Amino acid sequence: MPKRILFLLFNLLLTTLLSSCRVGGMMDTDYQALARASVRLGVDIERKDNHALYLEAARWIGTPYRSGGSTRQGTDCSGLTSQIYRKVYNRPLHRSAEEQRTLDCRKKRKGNLREGDLVFFHNGKKKRRASHVGIYLKDGQFIHASTSRGVIVSHLSTPYYRQHWLSGGRVK
């Protein structure tokens, strides 16, 4: 817990120091929103990261799981990925995890994942078919809609996700 408090205090200090800064004449970055997103996601957001992705992902944290859903009132995994992709990248995705894997993406190895790539998992029964999808953030972490916990951030090294890994995918 002390590490989390230090992280929050650092982000608040950074927000205070930088909230009125301009970078190269560009519009102000909302450092307070980024600090809140960083805490909600448990991810250290850096200047080079896609801020729009992290801000949108943070808005979905805690959304309940709903099979067939794709709204903040309830979503499933492919509904979450399709909505975030539409908002952040202005790109439509197919509506199932398997279609996103086979029709929307080029396959990527786990070691070559980049921010915004999709990560696919099988259910243990059909090991060649994606039954679950999430969006890779960074440092092994991804956002997804868990059937039991709703929208959360998990780590690829978690035993369940290591065992059920299918592939990564970069959207075409």
Protein backbone atom coordinates (compact mmCIF):
# COMPACT_ATOMS: atom_id res chain seq x y z
CA MET A 1 0.00 0.00 0.00
CA PRO A 2 2.77 2.57 0.73
CA LYS A 3 4.08 2.16 -2.83
CA ARG A 4 0.61 2.99 -4.21
CA ILE A 5 0.39 6.08 -1.98
CA LEU A 6 3.82 7.27 -3.15
CA PHE A 7 2.74 6.68 -6.74
CA LEU A 8 -0.43 8.76 -6.19
CA LEU A 9 1.50 11.55 -4.46
CA PHE A 10 4.06 11.62 -7.29
CA ASN A 11 1.27 11.87 -9.86
CA LEU A 12 -0.45 14.66 -7.92
CA LEU A 13 2.85 16.55 -7.66
CA LEU A 14 3.48 16.07 -11.38
CA THR A 15 -0.04 17.26 -12.13
CA THR A 16 0.42 20.38 -10.04
CA LEU A 17 3.77 21.23 -11.62
CA LEU A 18 2.77 20.61 -15.21
CA SER A 19 -0.92 21.46 -15.39
CA SER A 20 -0.33 24.88 -16.89
CA CYS A 21 2.56 23.95 -19.19
CA ARG A 22 2.40 24.10 -22.96
CA VAL A 23 4.52 21.84 -25.10
CA GLY A 24 5.72 23.35 -28.37
CA GLY A 25 2.65 25.56 -28.69
CA MET A 26 0.34 22.54 -28.64
CA MET A 27 -2.87 22.51 -26.63
CA ASP A 28 -2.58 21.91 -22.90
CA THR A 29 -2.39 18.31 -21.83
CA ASP A 30 -4.83 17.44 -19.08
CA TYR A 31 -2.28 16.14 -16.58
CA GLN A 32 -4.89 15.76 -13.87
CA ALA A 33 -6.93 13.42 -16.08
CA LEU A 34 -3.79 11.47 -16.97
CA ALA A 35 -2.84 11.15 -13.29
CA ARG A 36 -6.34 9.86 -12.48
CA ALA A 37 -6.16 7.42 -15.41
CA SER A 38 -2.74 6.25 -14.28
CA VAL A 39 -4.06 5.46 -10.80
CA ARG A 40 -7.26 3.78 -12.08
CA LEU A 41 -5.34 1.59 -14.51
CA GLY A 42 -2.32 0.98 -12.26
CA VAL A 43 -0.08 1.92 -15.19
CA ASP A 44 2.64 4.58 -15.32
CA ILE A 45 1.61 6.81 -18.25
CA GLU A 46 4.53 8.53 -19.94
CA ARG A 47 4.76 11.45 -22.36
CA LYS A 48 5.39 9.14 -25.35
CA ASP A 49 2.34 6.95 -24.62
CA ASN A 50 -0.97 7.25 -26.43
CA HIS A 51 -2.80 9.41 -23.91
CA ALA A 52 -6.15 9.00 -25.66
CA LEU A 53 -5.94 5.21 -25.22
CA TYR A 54 -5.22 5.44 -21.50
CA LEU A 55 -7.86 8.08 -20.85
CA GLU A 56 -10.53 6.07 -22.69
CA ALA A 57 -9.47 2.79 -21.07
CA ALA A 58 -9.69 4.36 -17.61
CA ARG A 59 -13.28 5.46 -18.31
CA TRP A 60 -14.26 1.79 -18.74
CA ILE A 61 -12.70 0.44 -15.53
CA GLY A 62 -15.40 -1.04 -13.31
CA THR A 63 -17.97 -1.40 -16.09
CA PRO A 64 -19.93 -4.59 -15.34
CA TYR A 65 -19.72 -7.61 -17.64
CA ARG A 66 -22.76 -8.16 -19.85
CA SER A 67 -22.76 -10.81 -22.59
CA GLY A 68 -23.42 -9.10 -25.93
CA GLY A 69 -23.04 -5.65 -24.35
CA SER A 70 -20.93 -2.80 -25.66
CA THR A 71 -21.83 0.17 -23.46
CA ARG A 72 -20.58 1.51 -20.16
CA GLN A 73 -23.73 0.07 -18.57
CA GLY A 74 -22.39 -3.41 -19.43
CA THR A 75 -19.98 -4.92 -21.94
CA ASP A 76 -18.35 -8.14 -22.97
CA CYS A 77 -14.70 -8.41 -24.07
CA SER A 78 -15.16 -7.83 -27.81
CA GLY A 79 -17.67 -5.05 -27.14
CA LEU A 80 -15.04 -3.30 -25.01
CA THR A 81 -12.28 -3.62 -27.61
CA SER A 82 -14.54 -2.51 -30.46
CA GLN A 83 -15.77 0.56 -28.54
CA ILE A 84 -12.30 1.66 -27.43
CA TYR A 85 -10.92 1.18 -30.95
CA ARG A 86 -13.76 3.20 -32.45
CA LYS A 87 -13.25 6.06 -29.99
CA VAL A 88 -9.43 6.16 -29.89
CA TYR A 89 -8.41 5.04 -33.38
CA ASN A 90 -11.64 5.73 -35.32
CA ARG A 91 -11.47 2.13 -36.59
CA PRO A 92 -14.33 -0.37 -36.56
CA LEU A 93 -13.63 -3.90 -35.38
CA HIS A 94 -15.70 -7.02 -35.86
CA ARG A 95 -17.89 -7.99 -32.94
CA SER A 96 -16.42 -11.32 -31.80
CA ALA A 97 -13.00 -12.14 -30.37
CA GLU A 98 -12.36 -14.76 -33.09
CA GLU A 99 -13.35 -12.38 -35.91
CA GLN A 100 -11.15 -9.65 -34.45
CA ARG A 101 -8.25 -12.13 -34.37
CA THR A 102 -8.72 -13.55 -37.87
CA LEU A 103 -10.20 -10.63 -39.82
CA ASP A 104 -8.98 -7.44 -38.12
CA CYS A 105 -5.41 -8.31 -37.07
CA ARG A 106 -1.98 -9.43 -38.19
CA LYS A 107 -0.56 -11.96 -35.74
CA LYS A 108 2.10 -10.75 -33.28
CA ARG A 109 4.16 -12.66 -30.75
CA LYS A 110 3.85 -11.84 -27.08
CA GLY A 111 7.36 -10.37 -27.07
CA ASN A 112 6.52 -7.98 -29.93
CA LEU A 113 3.37 -6.44 -28.47
CA ARG A 114 2.92 -2.68 -28.60
CA GLU A 115 0.46 -0.39 -26.91
CA GLY A 116 -2.97 -0.81 -28.52
CA ASP A 117 -2.38 -4.33 -29.85
CA LEU A 118 -5.09 -6.88 -29.16
CA VAL A 119 -4.39 -9.94 -27.04
CA PHE A 120 -6.34 -13.16 -27.56
CA PHE A 121 -7.02 -16.14 -25.32
CA HIS A 122 -8.70 -19.52 -25.73
CA ASN A 123 -11.09 -21.08 -23.22
CA GLY A 124 -9.15 -24.32 -22.78
CA LYS A 125 -11.59 -26.36 -24.86
CA LYS A 126 -11.09 -24.93 -28.34
CA LYS A 127 -7.41 -24.01 -28.15
CA ARG A 128 -7.20 -22.66 -31.71
CA ARG A 129 -10.14 -20.31 -31.39
CA ALA A 130 -10.23 -16.96 -29.55
CA SER A 131 -12.90 -16.80 -26.87
CA HIS A 132 -11.52 -13.73 -25.08
CA VAL A 133 -9.83 -10.49 -26.16
CA GLY A 134 -8.26 -7.48 -24.48
CA ILE A 135 -6.17 -4.45 -25.41
CA TYR A 136 -2.47 -4.43 -24.54
CA LEU A 137 -1.39 -1.35 -22.59
CA LYS A 138 2.26 -1.77 -21.61
CA ASP A 139 4.63 -3.73 -19.39
CA GLY A 140 2.59 -6.93 -19.75
CA GLN A 141 -0.68 -5.30 -18.73
CA PHE A 142 -3.92 -5.36 -20.69
CA ILE A 143 -7.48 -4.13 -20.22
CA HIS A 144 -10.37 -6.53 -20.75
CA ALA A 145 -13.88 -7.40 -19.62
CA SER A 146 -13.75 -10.23 -17.10
CA THR A 147 -16.95 -12.25 -16.74
CA SER A 148 -16.65 -12.20 -12.94
CA ARG A 149 -15.14 -8.76 -12.26
CA GLY A 150 -16.17 -6.54 -15.18
CA VAL A 151 -13.62 -4.31 -16.90
CA ILE A 152 -10.23 -4.62 -15.24
CA VAL A 153 -6.51 -4.50 -15.99
CA SER A 154 -4.68 -7.84 -15.75
CA HIS A 155 -1.14 -9.02 -16.38
CA LEU A 156 -0.14 -11.49 -19.09
CA SER A 157 2.06 -13.32 -16.57
CA THR A 158 -0.95 -14.31 -14.45
CA PRO A 159 -1.09 -18.12 -14.53
CA TYR A 160 -4.57 -18.22 -16.08
CA TYR A 161 -3.64 -15.89 -18.94
CA ARG A 162 -0.27 -17.61 -19.50
CA GLN A 163 -2.05 -20.96 -19.79
CA HIS A 164 -4.81 -19.67 -22.10
CA TRP A 165 -2.67 -17.41 -24.34
CA LEU A 166 -3.51 -17.75 -28.02
CA SER A 167 -1.86 -14.81 -29.81
CA GLY A 168 -1.37 -11.12 -30.06
CA GLY A 169 -2.64 -9.09 -32.97
CA ARG A 170 -1.90 -5.72 -34.52
CA VAL A 171 -4.98 -4.18 -36.12
CA LYS A 172 -4.56 -3.84 -39.88
